[in-house]
Amino acid sequence: MQRGGKLAIDRQALDKLRDIVGGDEVDLVELVESFLEEGPGLIEAITLSQCSADLLTMRRAAHSLKSNARDMGAIELSALCAKLEARCAAGERPGTSDVDAANLAFTEAVAELRNLYPVNSR
């Protein structure tokens, strides 16, 4: 999906990931499917921990999602998760708007990945 003319997924990052797995499209699709399966639980943990002010849980979930999103080319999502992680590490509770922005970026990244790799994507 595009927001402000930008795609949610950086295709060059996906090309790099494909190269890392030896150029095998099947392996790349497995990684994408893994992100699509694990990502909802991570973004849910971020959302729920914001409500309960559980900074440790949010920090861990944001850290995992940050790395996974970067690998998938979801650069904006990765940056937003890095911001959440840093605020939690500093003992600051991220605002609802920060969590909402991460949720939106996640939703857009998932939609774009499902469009690019529709096989077995839920």
PDB file of N, CA and C in Angstrom:
ATOM      1  N   MET A   1       0.852  -1.178   0.000  1.00  0.00           N
ATOM      2  CA  MET A   1       0.000   0.000   0.000  1.00  0.00           C
ATOM      3  C   MET A   1       0.890   1.229   0.000  1.00  0.00           C
ATOM      4  N   GLN A   2       0.363   2.280  -0.583  1.00  0.00           N
ATOM      5  CA  GLN A   2       1.104   3.516  -0.631  1.00  0.00           C
ATOM      6  C   GLN A   2       0.480   4.537   0.297  1.00  0.00           C
ATOM      7  N   ARG A   3       1.340   5.219   1.018  1.00  0.00           N
ATOM      8  CA  ARG A   3       0.898   6.342   1.837  1.00  0.00           C
ATOM      9  C   ARG A   3       1.865   7.460   1.538  1.00  0.00           C
ATOM     10  N   GLY A   4       1.340   8.564   1.065  1.00  0.00           N
ATOM     11  CA  GLY A   4       2.212   9.662   0.707  1.00  0.00           C
ATOM     12  C   GLY A   4       3.144   9.297  -0.441  1.00  0.00           C
ATOM     13  N   GLY A   5       2.706   8.397  -1.320  1.00  0.00           N
ATOM     14  CA  GLY A   5       3.516   8.008  -2.468  1.00  0.00           C
ATOM     15  C   GLY A   5       4.581   6.974  -2.170  1.00  0.00           C
ATOM     16  N   LYS A   6       4.672   6.530  -0.927  1.00  0.00           N
ATOM     17  CA  LYS A   6       5.689   5.548  -0.551  1.00  0.00           C
ATOM     18  C   LYS A   6       5.060   4.175  -0.370  1.00  0.00           C
ATOM     19  N   LEU A   7       5.775   3.179  -0.856  1.00  0.00           N
ATOM     20  CA  LEU A   7       5.339   1.804  -0.630  1.00  0.00           C
ATOM     21  C   LEU A   7       5.678   1.392   0.796  1.00  0.00           C
ATOM     22  N   ALA A   8       4.895   0.488   1.338  1.00  0.00           N
ATOM     23  CA  ALA A   8       5.148   0.006   2.701  1.00  0.00           C
ATOM     24  C   ALA A   8       6.324  -0.951   2.749  1.00  0.00           C
ATOM     25  N   ILE A   9       6.635  -1.584   1.607  1.00  0.00           N
ATOM     26  CA  ILE A   9       7.702  -2.579   1.539  1.00  0.00           C
ATOM     27  C   ILE A   9       8.768  -2.129   0.545  1.00  0.00           C
ATOM     28  N   ASP A  10       9.999  -2.108   1.002  1.00  0.00           N
ATOM     29  CA  ASP A  10      11.138  -1.789   0.150  1.00  0.00           C
ATOM     30  C   ASP A  10      11.529  -3.052  -0.617  1.00  0.00           C
ATOM     31  N   ARG A  11      11.296  -3.033  -1.911  1.00  0.00           N
ATOM     32  CA  ARG A  11      11.561  -4.220  -2.739  1.00  0.00           C
ATOM     33  C   ARG A  11      13.035  -4.607  -2.735  1.00  0.00           C
ATOM     34  N   GLN A  12      13.922  -3.638  -2.595  1.00  0.00           N
ATOM     35  CA  GLN A  12      15.355  -3.953  -2.556  1.00  0.00           C
ATOM     36  C   GLN A  12      15.707  -4.783  -1.324  1.00  0.00           C
ATOM     37  N   ALA A  13      15.033  -4.527  -0.222  1.00  0.00           N
ATOM     38  CA  ALA A  13      15.271  -5.318   0.990  1.00  0.00           C
ATOM     39  C   ALA A  13      14.839  -6.768   0.761  1.00  0.00           C
ATOM     40  N   LEU A  14      13.720  -6.946   0.072  1.00  0.00           N
ATOM     41  CA  LEU A  14      13.271  -8.310  -0.236  1.00  0.00           C
ATOM     42  C   LEU A  14      14.246  -9.000  -1.186  1.00  0.00           C
ATOM     43  N   ASP A  15      14.772  -8.246  -2.153  1.00  0.00           N
ATOM     44  CA  ASP A  15      15.778  -8.809  -3.063  1.00  0.00           C
ATOM     45  C   ASP A  15      17.025  -9.236  -2.290  1.00  0.00           C
ATOM     46  N   LYS A  16      17.432  -8.407  -1.336  1.00  0.00           N
ATOM     47  CA  LYS A  16      18.596  -8.734  -0.502  1.00  0.00           C
ATOM     48  C   LYS A  16      18.329  -9.991   0.327  1.00  0.00           C
ATOM     49  N   LEU A  17      17.137 -10.076   0.898  1.00  0.00           N
ATOM     50  CA  LEU A  17      16.778 -11.255   1.688  1.00  0.00           C
ATOM     51  C   LEU A  17      16.757 -12.500   0.803  1.00  0.00           C
ATOM     52  N   ARG A  18      16.241 -12.352  -0.407  1.00  0.00           N
ATOM     53  CA  ARG A  18      16.236 -13.474  -1.354  1.00  0.00           C
ATOM     54  C   ARG A  18      17.673 -13.927  -1.628  1.00  0.00           C
ATOM     55  N   ASP A  19      18.580 -12.985  -1.814  1.00  0.00           N
ATOM     56  CA  ASP A  19      19.987 -13.327  -2.044  1.00  0.00           C
ATOM     57  C   ASP A  19      20.586 -14.045  -0.837  1.00  0.00           C
ATOM     58  N   ILE A  20      20.222 -13.593   0.359  1.00  0.00           N
ATOM     59  CA  ILE A  20      20.746 -14.205   1.585  1.00  0.00           C
ATOM     60  C   ILE A  20      20.330 -15.664   1.688  1.00  0.00           C
ATOM     61  N   VAL A  21      19.110 -15.978   1.220  1.00  0.00           N
ATOM     62  CA  VAL A  21      18.637 -17.366   1.280  1.00  0.00           C
ATOM     63  C   VAL A  21      18.998 -18.134   0.007  1.00  0.00           C
ATOM     64  N   GLY A  22      19.974 -17.624  -0.712  1.00  0.00           N
ATOM     65  CA  GLY A  22      20.489 -18.345  -1.873  1.00  0.00           C
ATOM     66  C   GLY A  22      19.678 -18.177  -3.137  1.00  0.00           C
ATOM     67  N   GLY A  23      18.855 -17.141  -3.214  1.00  0.00           N
ATOM     68  CA  GLY A  23      18.074 -16.875  -4.403  1.00  0.00           C
ATOM     69  C   GLY A  23      16.844 -17.742  -4.555  1.00  0.00           C
ATOM     70  N   ASP A  24      16.545 -18.527  -3.560  1.00  0.00           N
ATOM     71  CA  ASP A  24      15.410 -19.457  -3.620  1.00  0.00           C
ATOM     72  C   ASP A  24      14.123 -18.738  -3.231  1.00  0.00           C
ATOM     73  N   GLU A  25      13.212 -18.615  -4.174  1.00  0.00           N
ATOM     74  CA  GLU A  25      11.938 -17.943  -3.936  1.00  0.00           C
ATOM     75  C   GLU A  25      11.098 -18.681  -2.893  1.00  0.00           C
ATOM     76  N   VAL A  26      11.179 -19.990  -2.873  1.00  0.00           N
ATOM     77  CA  VAL A  26      10.425 -20.779  -1.895  1.00  0.00           C
ATOM     78  C   VAL A  26      10.874 -20.431  -0.478  1.00  0.00           C
ATOM     79  N   ASP A  27      12.170 -20.318  -0.271  1.00  0.00           N
ATOM     80  CA  ASP A  27      12.683 -19.952   1.051  1.00  0.00           C
ATOM     81  C   ASP A  27      12.255 -18.535   1.436  1.00  0.00           C
ATOM     82  N   LEU A  28      12.273 -17.626   0.465  1.00  0.00           N
ATOM     83  CA  LEU A  28      11.829 -16.260   0.730  1.00  0.00           C
ATOM     84  C   LEU A  28      10.356 -16.252   1.135  1.00  0.00           C
ATOM     85  N   VAL A  29       9.543 -16.984   0.414  1.00  0.00           N
ATOM     86  CA  VAL A  29       8.114 -17.047   0.726  1.00  0.00           C
ATOM     87  C   VAL A  29       7.903 -17.611   2.133  1.00  0.00           C
ATOM     88  N   GLU A  30       8.689 -18.604   2.521  1.00  0.00           N
ATOM     89  CA  GLU A  30       8.579 -19.153   3.880  1.00  0.00           C
ATOM     90  C   GLU A  30       8.878 -18.088   4.930  1.00  0.00           C
ATOM     91  N   LEU A  31       9.878 -17.255   4.671  1.00  0.00           N
ATOM     92  CA  LEU A  31      10.202 -16.179   5.610  1.00  0.00           C
ATOM     93  C   LEU A  31       9.081 -15.148   5.675  1.00  0.00           C
ATOM     94  N   VAL A  32       8.528 -14.825   4.523  1.00  0.00           N
ATOM     95  CA  VAL A  32       7.398 -13.888   4.491  1.00  0.00           C
ATOM     96  C   VAL A  32       6.218 -14.470   5.266  1.00  0.00           C
ATOM     97  N   GLU A  33       5.921 -15.734   5.026  1.00  0.00           N
ATOM     98  CA  GLU A  33       4.813 -16.375   5.738  1.00  0.00           C
ATOM     99  C   GLU A  33       5.062 -16.398   7.241  1.00  0.00           C
ATOM    100  N   SER A  34       6.301 -16.616   7.642  1.00  0.00           N
ATOM    101  CA  SER A  34       6.643 -16.602   9.067  1.00  0.00           C
ATOM    102  C   SER A  34       6.374 -15.220   9.657  1.00  0.00           C
ATOM    103  N   PHE A  35       6.761 -14.170   8.934  1.00  0.00           N
ATOM    104  CA  PHE A  35       6.495 -12.808   9.389  1.00  0.00           C
ATOM    105  C   PHE A  35       4.990 -12.573   9.514  1.00  0.00           C
ATOM    106  N   LEU A  36       4.244 -13.038   8.516  1.00  0.00           N
ATOM    107  CA  LEU A  36       2.792 -12.847   8.522  1.00  0.00           C
ATOM    108  C   LEU A  36       2.113 -13.628   9.646  1.00  0.00           C
ATOM    109  N   GLU A  37       2.712 -14.733  10.058  1.00  0.00           N
ATOM    110  CA  GLU A  37       2.154 -15.527  11.163  1.00  0.00           C
ATOM    111  C   GLU A  37       2.539 -14.964  12.527  1.00  0.00           C
ATOM    112  N   GLU A  38       3.787 -14.530  12.675  1.00  0.00           N
ATOM    113  CA  GLU A  38       4.294 -14.072  13.973  1.00  0.00           C
ATOM    114  C   GLU A  38       3.999 -12.604  14.245  1.00  0.00           C
ATOM    115  N   GLY A  39       3.921 -11.812  13.196  1.00  0.00           N
ATOM    116  CA  GLY A  39       3.746 -10.368  13.348  1.00  0.00           C
ATOM    117  C   GLY A  39       2.510  -9.951  14.119  1.00  0.00           C
ATOM    118  N   PRO A  40       1.353 -10.549  13.843  1.00  0.00           N
ATOM    119  CA  PRO A  40       0.158 -10.124  14.585  1.00  0.00           C
ATOM    120  C   PRO A  40       0.296 -10.283  16.099  1.00  0.00           C
ATOM    121  N   GLY A  41       0.936 -11.334  16.549  1.00  0.00           N
ATOM    122  CA  GLY A  41       1.137 -11.523  17.983  1.00  0.00           C
ATOM    123  C   GLY A  41       2.057 -10.463  18.573  1.00  0.00           C
ATOM    124  N   LEU A  42       3.062 -10.066  17.806  1.00  0.00           N
ATOM    125  CA  LEU A  42       3.988  -9.032  18.284  1.00  0.00           C
ATOM    126  C   LEU A  42       3.311  -7.665  18.350  1.00  0.00           C
ATOM    127  N   ILE A  43       2.552  -7.320  17.306  1.00  0.00           N
ATOM    128  CA  ILE A  43       1.887  -6.012  17.330  1.00  0.00           C
ATOM    129  C   ILE A  43       0.800  -5.994  18.400  1.00  0.00           C
ATOM    130  N   GLU A  44       0.157  -7.136  18.631  1.00  0.00           N
ATOM    131  CA  GLU A  44      -0.831  -7.216  19.701  1.00  0.00           C
ATOM    132  C   GLU A  44      -0.159  -7.046  21.071  1.00  0.00           C
ATOM    133  N   ALA A  45       1.003  -7.648  21.245  1.00  0.00           N
ATOM    134  CA  ALA A  45       1.733  -7.490  22.510  1.00  0.00           C
ATOM    135  C   ALA A  45       2.112  -6.034  22.740  1.00  0.00           C
ATOM    136  N   ILE A  46       2.497  -5.354  21.673  1.00  0.00           N
ATOM    137  CA  ILE A  46       2.831  -3.928  21.789  1.00  0.00           C
ATOM    138  C   ILE A  46       1.600  -3.143  22.216  1.00  0.00           C
ATOM    139  N   THR A  47       0.484  -3.405  21.574  1.00  0.00           N
ATOM    140  CA  THR A  47      -0.754  -2.682  21.873  1.00  0.00           C
ATOM    141  C   THR A  47      -1.223  -2.947  23.299  1.00  0.00           C
ATOM    142  N   LEU A  48      -1.261  -4.214  23.688  1.00  0.00           N
ATOM    143  CA  LEU A  48      -1.729  -4.552  25.033  1.00  0.00           C
ATOM    144  C   LEU A  48      -0.791  -4.035  26.117  1.00  0.00           C
ATOM    145  N   SER A  49       0.506  -4.087  25.844  1.00  0.00           N
ATOM    146  CA  SER A  49       1.455  -3.619  26.860  1.00  0.00           C
ATOM    147  C   SER A  49       1.421  -2.102  26.987  1.00  0.00           C
ATOM    148  N   GLN A  50       1.003  -1.408  25.953  1.00  0.00           N
ATOM    149  CA  GLN A  50       0.847   0.046  26.065  1.00  0.00           C
ATOM    150  C   GLN A  50      -0.304   0.346  27.008  1.00  0.00           C
ATOM    151  N   CYS A  51      -1.359  -0.415  26.883  1.00  0.00           N
ATOM    152  CA  CYS A  51      -2.530  -0.217  27.753  1.00  0.00           C
ATOM    153  C   CYS A  51      -2.200  -0.499  29.214  1.00  0.00           C
ATOM    154  N   SER A  52      -1.360  -1.506  29.453  1.00  0.00           N
ATOM    155  CA  SER A  52      -1.042  -1.890  30.829  1.00  0.00           C
ATOM    156  C   SER A  52       0.260  -1.268  31.332  1.00  0.00           C
ATOM    157  N   ALA A  53       0.905  -0.465  30.499  1.00  0.00           N
ATOM    158  CA  ALA A  53       2.178   0.178  30.843  1.00  0.00           C
ATOM    159  C   ALA A  53       3.273  -0.841  31.151  1.00  0.00           C
ATOM    160  N   ASP A  54       3.239  -1.972  30.489  1.00  0.00           N
ATOM    161  CA  ASP A  54       4.247  -3.028  30.649  1.00  0.00           C
ATOM    162  C   ASP A  54       5.391  -2.753  29.672  1.00  0.00           C
ATOM    163  N   LEU A  55       6.332  -1.936  30.104  1.00  0.00           N
ATOM    164  CA  LEU A  55       7.406  -1.495  29.222  1.00  0.00           C
ATOM    165  C   LEU A  55       8.342  -2.624  28.806  1.00  0.00           C
ATOM    166  N   LEU A  56       8.562  -3.605  29.663  1.00  0.00           N
ATOM    167  CA  LEU A  56       9.444  -4.713  29.319  1.00  0.00           C
ATOM    168  C   LEU A  56       8.863  -5.547  28.177  1.00  0.00           C
ATOM    169  N   THR A  57       7.585  -5.872  28.283  1.00  0.00           N
ATOM    170  CA  THR A  57       6.935  -6.640  27.221  1.00  0.00           C
ATOM    171  C   THR A  57       6.923  -5.851  25.920  1.00  0.00           C
ATOM    172  N   MET A  58       6.596  -4.562  26.012  1.00  0.00           N
ATOM    173  CA  MET A  58       6.579  -3.741  24.803  1.00  0.00           C
ATOM    174  C   MET A  58       7.965  -3.653  24.186  1.00  0.00           C
ATOM    175  N   ARG A  59       8.966  -3.475  25.011  1.00  0.00           N
ATOM    176  CA  ARG A  59      10.334  -3.366  24.499  1.00  0.00           C
ATOM    177  C   ARG A  59      10.740  -4.644  23.759  1.00  0.00           C
ATOM    178  N   ARG A  60      10.453  -5.786  24.344  1.00  0.00           N
ATOM    179  CA  ARG A  60      10.820  -7.059  23.705  1.00  0.00           C
ATOM    180  C   ARG A  60      10.071  -7.264  22.389  1.00  0.00           C
ATOM    181  N   ALA A  61       8.766  -6.998  22.404  1.00  0.00           N
ATOM    182  CA  ALA A  61       7.966  -7.174  21.188  1.00  0.00           C
ATOM    183  C   ALA A  61       8.397  -6.186  20.110  1.00  0.00           C
ATOM    184  N   ALA A  62       8.652  -4.941  20.503  1.00  0.00           N
ATOM    185  CA  ALA A  62       9.086  -3.929  19.540  1.00  0.00           C
ATOM    186  C   ALA A  62      10.445  -4.297  18.952  1.00  0.00           C
ATOM    187  N   HIS A  63      11.328  -4.819  19.783  1.00  0.00           N
ATOM    188  CA  HIS A  63      12.650  -5.239  19.300  1.00  0.00           C
ATOM    189  C   HIS A  63      12.524  -6.351  18.254  1.00  0.00           C
ATOM    190  N   SER A  64      11.725  -7.356  18.550  1.00  0.00           N
ATOM    191  CA  SER A  64      11.537  -8.467  17.610  1.00  0.00           C
ATOM    192  C   SER A  64      10.891  -8.003  16.317  1.00  0.00           C
ATOM    193  N   LEU A  65       9.839  -7.202  16.442  1.00  0.00           N
ATOM    194  CA  LEU A  65       9.136  -6.735  15.253  1.00  0.00           C
ATOM    195  C   LEU A  65      10.022  -5.795  14.440  1.00  0.00           C
ATOM    196  N   LYS A  66      10.823  -4.992  15.117  1.00  0.00           N
ATOM    197  CA  LYS A  66      11.748  -4.080  14.426  1.00  0.00           C
ATOM    198  C   LYS A  66      12.674  -4.857  13.503  1.00  0.00           C
ATOM    199  N   SER A  67      13.283  -5.895  14.033  1.00  0.00           N
ATOM    200  CA  SER A  67      14.226  -6.692  13.247  1.00  0.00           C
ATOM    201  C   SER A  67      13.529  -7.435  12.118  1.00  0.00           C
ATOM    202  N   ASN A  68      12.412  -8.049  12.420  1.00  0.00           N
ATOM    203  CA  ASN A  68      11.668  -8.790  11.401  1.00  0.00           C
ATOM    204  C   ASN A  68      11.167  -7.863  10.294  1.00  0.00           C
ATOM    205  N   ALA A  69      10.662  -6.700  10.680  1.00  0.00           N
ATOM    206  CA  ALA A  69      10.155  -5.738   9.706  1.00  0.00           C
ATOM    207  C   ALA A  69      11.281  -5.243   8.801  1.00  0.00           C
ATOM    208  N   ARG A  70      12.427  -4.978   9.380  1.00  0.00           N
ATOM    209  CA  ARG A  70      13.579  -4.534   8.583  1.00  0.00           C
ATOM    210  C   ARG A  70      13.934  -5.582   7.542  1.00  0.00           C
ATOM    211  N   ASP A  71      13.963  -6.844   7.955  1.00  0.00           N
ATOM    212  CA  ASP A  71      14.285  -7.926   7.021  1.00  0.00           C
ATOM    213  C   ASP A  71      13.273  -8.011   5.888  1.00  0.00           C
ATOM    214  N   MET A  72      12.003  -7.737   6.183  1.00  0.00           N
ATOM    215  CA  MET A  72      10.942  -7.808   5.176  1.00  0.00           C
ATOM    216  C   MET A  72      10.871  -6.559   4.310  1.00  0.00           C
ATOM    217  N   GLY A  73      11.661  -5.547   4.660  1.00  0.00           N
ATOM    218  CA  GLY A  73      11.622  -4.308   3.895  1.00  0.00           C
ATOM    219  C   GLY A  73      10.578  -3.321   4.364  1.00  0.00           C
ATOM    220  N   ALA A  74       9.993  -3.576   5.523  1.00  0.00           N
ATOM    221  CA  ALA A  74       9.004  -2.661   6.100  1.00  0.00           C
ATOM    222  C   ALA A  74       9.767  -1.614   6.918  1.00  0.00           C
ATOM    223  N   ILE A  75      10.390  -0.693   6.202  1.00  0.00           N
ATOM    224  CA  ILE A  75      11.320   0.256   6.810  1.00  0.00           C
ATOM    225  C   ILE A  75      10.629   1.190   7.794  1.00  0.00           C
ATOM    226  N   GLU A  76       9.459   1.706   7.426  1.00  0.00           N
ATOM    227  CA  GLU A  76       8.745   2.604   8.334  1.00  0.00           C
ATOM    228  C   GLU A  76       8.341   1.873   9.612  1.00  0.00           C
ATOM    229  N   LEU A  77       7.828   0.664   9.475  1.00  0.00           N
ATOM    230  CA  LEU A  77       7.455  -0.128  10.646  1.00  0.00           C
ATOM    231  C   LEU A  77       8.668  -0.384  11.524  1.00  0.00           C
ATOM    232  N   SER A  78       9.777  -0.732  10.910  1.00  0.00           N
ATOM    233  CA  SER A  78      10.998  -0.979  11.670  1.00  0.00           C
ATOM    234  C   SER A  78      11.426   0.267  12.449  1.00  0.00           C
ATOM    235  N   ALA A  79      11.355   1.422  11.802  1.00  0.00           N
ATOM    236  CA  ALA A  79      11.744   2.677  12.461  1.00  0.00           C
ATOM    237  C   ALA A  79      10.806   3.012  13.617  1.00  0.00           C
ATOM    238  N   LEU A  80       9.525   2.787  13.426  1.00  0.00           N
ATOM    239  CA  LEU A  80       8.560   3.051  14.498  1.00  0.00           C
ATOM    240  C   LEU A  80       8.780   2.114  15.682  1.00  0.00           C
ATOM    241  N   CYS A  81       9.093   0.855  15.390  1.00  0.00           N
ATOM    242  CA  CYS A  81       9.375  -0.102  16.463  1.00  0.00           C
ATOM    243  C   CYS A  81      10.668   0.257  17.191  1.00  0.00           C
ATOM    244  N   ALA A  82      11.651   0.760  16.460  1.00  0.00           N
ATOM    245  CA  ALA A  82      12.904   1.202  17.093  1.00  0.00           C
ATOM    246  C   ALA A  82      12.619   2.355  18.062  1.00  0.00           C
ATOM    247  N   LYS A  83      11.732   3.246  17.653  1.00  0.00           N
ATOM    248  CA  LYS A  83      11.348   4.367  18.521  1.00  0.00           C
ATOM    249  C   LYS A  83      10.648   3.855  19.786  1.00  0.00           C
ATOM    250  N   LEU A  84       9.726   2.910  19.601  1.00  0.00           N
ATOM    251  CA  LEU A  84       9.036   2.327  20.764  1.00  0.00           C
ATOM    252  C   LEU A  84      10.037   1.650  21.694  1.00  0.00           C
ATOM    253  N   GLU A  85      10.932   0.871  21.118  1.00  0.00           N
ATOM    254  CA  GLU A  85      11.927   0.147  21.911  1.00  0.00           C
ATOM    255  C   GLU A  85      12.799   1.121  22.702  1.00  0.00           C
ATOM    256  N   ALA A  86      13.241   2.187  22.050  1.00  0.00           N
ATOM    257  CA  ALA A  86      14.113   3.170  22.710  1.00  0.00           C
ATOM    258  C   ALA A  86      13.390   3.879  23.849  1.00  0.00           C
ATOM    259  N   ARG A  87      12.144   4.226  23.635  1.00  0.00           N
ATOM    260  CA  ARG A  87      11.390   4.895  24.699  1.00  0.00           C
ATOM    261  C   ARG A  87      11.207   3.970  25.894  1.00  0.00           C
ATOM    262  N   CYS A  88      10.897   2.710  25.617  1.00  0.00           N
ATOM    263  CA  CYS A  88      10.751   1.748  26.717  1.00  0.00           C
ATOM    264  C   CYS A  88      12.060   1.553  27.453  1.00  0.00           C
ATOM    265  N   ALA A  89      13.162   1.465  26.710  1.00  0.00           N
ATOM    266  CA  ALA A  89      14.480   1.289  27.328  1.00  0.00           C
ATOM    267  C   ALA A  89      14.827   2.478  28.224  1.00  0.00           C
ATOM    268  N   ALA A  90      14.311   3.653  27.868  1.00  0.00           N
ATOM    269  CA  ALA A  90      14.559   4.856  28.669  1.00  0.00           C
ATOM    270  C   ALA A  90      13.575   4.987  29.827  1.00  0.00           C
ATOM    271  N   GLY A  91      12.670   4.002  29.950  1.00  0.00           N
ATOM    272  CA  GLY A  91      11.693   4.035  31.031  1.00  0.00           C
ATOM    273  C   GLY A  91      10.511   4.936  30.756  1.00  0.00           C
ATOM    274  N   GLU A  92      10.331   5.315  29.489  1.00  0.00           N
ATOM    275  CA  GLU A  92       9.229   6.184  29.110  1.00  0.00           C
ATOM    276  C   GLU A  92       8.121   5.363  28.456  1.00  0.00           C
ATOM    277  N   ARG A  93       6.917   5.615  28.864  1.00  0.00           N
ATOM    278  CA  ARG A  93       5.776   4.916  28.259  1.00  0.00           C
ATOM    279  C   ARG A  93       5.432   5.601  26.935  1.00  0.00           C
ATOM    280  N   PRO A  94       5.530   4.863  25.825  1.00  0.00           N
ATOM    281  CA  PRO A  94       5.158   5.458  24.538  1.00  0.00           C
ATOM    282  C   PRO A  94       3.689   5.848  24.533  1.00  0.00           C
ATOM    283  N   GLY A  95       3.393   6.899  23.797  1.00  0.00           N
ATOM    284  CA  GLY A  95       2.027   7.365  23.701  1.00  0.00           C
ATOM    285  C   GLY A  95       1.180   6.490  22.793  1.00  0.00           C
ATOM    286  N   THR A  96      -0.105   6.641  22.944  1.00  0.00           N
ATOM    287  CA  THR A  96      -1.040   5.896  22.109  1.00  0.00           C
ATOM    288  C   THR A  96      -0.799   6.182  20.636  1.00  0.00           C
ATOM    289  N   SER A  97      -0.471   7.421  20.308  1.00  0.00           N
ATOM    290  CA  SER A  97      -0.249   7.774  18.899  1.00  0.00           C
ATOM    291  C   SER A  97       0.950   7.026  18.321  1.00  0.00           C
ATOM    292  N   ASP A  98       1.969   6.775  19.138  1.00  0.00           N
ATOM    293  CA  ASP A  98       3.129   6.007  18.681  1.00  0.00           C
ATOM    294  C   ASP A  98       2.743   4.564  18.380  1.00  0.00           C
ATOM    295  N   VAL A  99       1.955   3.987  19.252  1.00  0.00           N
ATOM    296  CA  VAL A  99       1.498   2.607  19.067  1.00  0.00           C
ATOM    297  C   VAL A  99       0.537   2.531  17.882  1.00  0.00           C
ATOM    298  N   ASP A 100      -0.334   3.525  17.751  1.00  0.00           N
ATOM    299  CA  ASP A 100      -1.257   3.555  16.619  1.00  0.00           C
ATOM    300  C   ASP A 100      -0.504   3.654  15.298  1.00  0.00           C
ATOM    301  N   ALA A 101       0.555   4.446  15.263  1.00  0.00           N
ATOM    302  CA  ALA A 101       1.357   4.584  14.042  1.00  0.00           C
ATOM    303  C   ALA A 101       2.010   3.251  13.685  1.00  0.00           C
ATOM    304  N   ALA A 102       2.505   2.531  14.688  1.00  0.00           N
ATOM    305  CA  ALA A 102       3.106   1.219  14.444  1.00  0.00           C
ATOM    306  C   ALA A 102       2.048   0.229  13.938  1.00  0.00           C
ATOM    307  N   ASN A 103       0.861   0.284  14.518  1.00  0.00           N
ATOM    308  CA  ASN A 103      -0.233  -0.585  14.062  1.00  0.00           C
ATOM    309  C   ASN A 103      -0.592  -0.304  12.605  1.00  0.00           C
ATOM    310  N   LEU A 104      -0.677   0.951  12.241  1.00  0.00           N
ATOM    311  CA  LEU A 104      -1.000   1.316  10.861  1.00  0.00           C
ATOM    312  C   LEU A 104       0.100   0.856   9.909  1.00  0.00           C
ATOM    313  N   ALA A 105       1.351   1.093  10.271  1.00  0.00           N
ATOM    314  CA  ALA A 105       2.467   0.671   9.422  1.00  0.00           C
ATOM    315  C   ALA A 105       2.498  -0.846   9.287  1.00  0.00           C
ATOM    316  N   PHE A 106       2.177  -1.553  10.373  1.00  0.00           N
ATOM    317  CA  PHE A 106       2.127  -3.016  10.320  1.00  0.00           C
ATOM    318  C   PHE A 106       1.019  -3.464   9.367  1.00  0.00           C
ATOM    319  N   THR A 107      -0.156  -2.881   9.499  1.00  0.00           N
ATOM    320  CA  THR A 107      -1.283  -3.245   8.643  1.00  0.00           C
ATOM    321  C   THR A 107      -0.947  -3.020   7.172  1.00  0.00           C
ATOM    322  N   GLU A 108      -0.317  -1.907   6.872  1.00  0.00           N
ATOM    323  CA  GLU A 108       0.053  -1.602   5.496  1.00  0.00           C
ATOM    324  C   GLU A 108       1.118  -2.566   4.984  1.00  0.00           C
ATOM    325  N   ALA A 109       2.095  -2.886   5.810  1.00  0.00           N
ATOM    326  CA  ALA A 109       3.146  -3.820   5.405  1.00  0.00           C
ATOM    327  C   ALA A 109       2.577  -5.207   5.139  1.00  0.00           C
ATOM    328  N   VAL A 110       1.696  -5.659   6.022  1.00  0.00           N
ATOM    329  CA  VAL A 110       1.074  -6.976   5.851  1.00  0.00           C
ATOM    330  C   VAL A 110       0.258  -7.019   4.561  1.00  0.00           C
ATOM    331  N   ALA A 111      -0.522  -5.985   4.316  1.00  0.00           N
ATOM    332  CA  ALA A 111      -1.344  -5.946   3.099  1.00  0.00           C
ATOM    333  C   ALA A 111      -0.468  -6.006   1.852  1.00  0.00           C
ATOM    334  N   GLU A 112       0.624  -5.270   1.876  1.00  0.00           N
ATOM    335  CA  GLU A 112       1.502  -5.269   0.709  1.00  0.00           C
ATOM    336  C   GLU A 112       2.216  -6.605   0.539  1.00  0.00           C
ATOM    337  N   LEU A 113       2.679  -7.200   1.629  1.00  0.00           N
ATOM    338  CA  LEU A 113       3.318  -8.513   1.533  1.00  0.00           C
ATOM    339  C   LEU A 113       2.334  -9.563   1.033  1.00  0.00           C
ATOM    340  N   ARG A 114       1.099  -9.508   1.505  1.00  0.00           N
ATOM    341  CA  ARG A 114       0.089 -10.473   1.040  1.00  0.00           C
ATOM    342  C   ARG A 114      -0.211 -10.269  -0.446  1.00  0.00           C
ATOM    343  N   ASN A 115      -0.140  -9.039  -0.909  1.00  0.00           N
ATOM    344  CA  ASN A 115      -0.344  -8.766  -2.316  1.00  0.00           C
ATOM    345  C   ASN A 115       0.823  -9.328  -3.153  1.00  0.00           C
ATOM    346  N   LEU A 116       2.023  -9.187  -2.609  1.00  0.00           N
ATOM    347  CA  LEU A 116       3.212  -9.677  -3.317  1.00  0.00           C
ATOM    348  C   LEU A 116       3.346 -11.198  -3.264  1.00  0.00           C
ATOM    349  N   TYR A 117       2.948 -11.792  -2.133  1.00  0.00           N
ATOM    350  CA  TYR A 117       3.103 -13.239  -1.890  1.00  0.00           C
ATOM    351  C   TYR A 117       1.788 -13.815  -1.381  1.00  0.00           C
ATOM    352  N   PRO A 118       0.793 -13.973  -2.259  1.00  0.00           N
ATOM    353  CA  PRO A 118      -0.526 -14.395  -1.797  1.00  0.00           C
ATOM    354  C   PRO A 118      -0.632 -15.867  -1.396  1.00  0.00           C
ATOM    355  N   VAL A 119       0.322 -16.695  -1.732  1.00  0.00           N
ATOM    356  CA  VAL A 119       0.245 -18.127  -1.443  1.00  0.00           C
ATOM    357  C   VAL A 119       0.283 -18.366   0.057  1.00  0.00           C
ATOM    358  N   ASN A 120      -0.738 -19.035   0.558  1.00  0.00           N
ATOM    359  CA  ASN A 120      -0.844 -19.437   1.965  1.00  0.00           C
ATOM    360  C   ASN A 120      -0.815 -18.284   2.953  1.00  0.00           C
ATOM    361  N   SER A 121      -0.924 -17.051   2.493  1.00  0.00           N
ATOM    362  CA  SER A 121      -0.969 -15.918   3.414  1.00  0.00           C
ATOM    363  C   SER A 121      -2.378 -15.774   3.941  1.00  0.00           C
ATOM    364  N   ARG A 122      -2.476 -15.679   5.256  1.00  0.00           N
ATOM    365  CA  ARG A 122      -3.797 -15.599   5.878  1.00  0.00           C
ATOM    366  C   ARG A 122      -4.195 -14.165   6.059  1.00  0.00           C
TER     367      ARG A 122
END
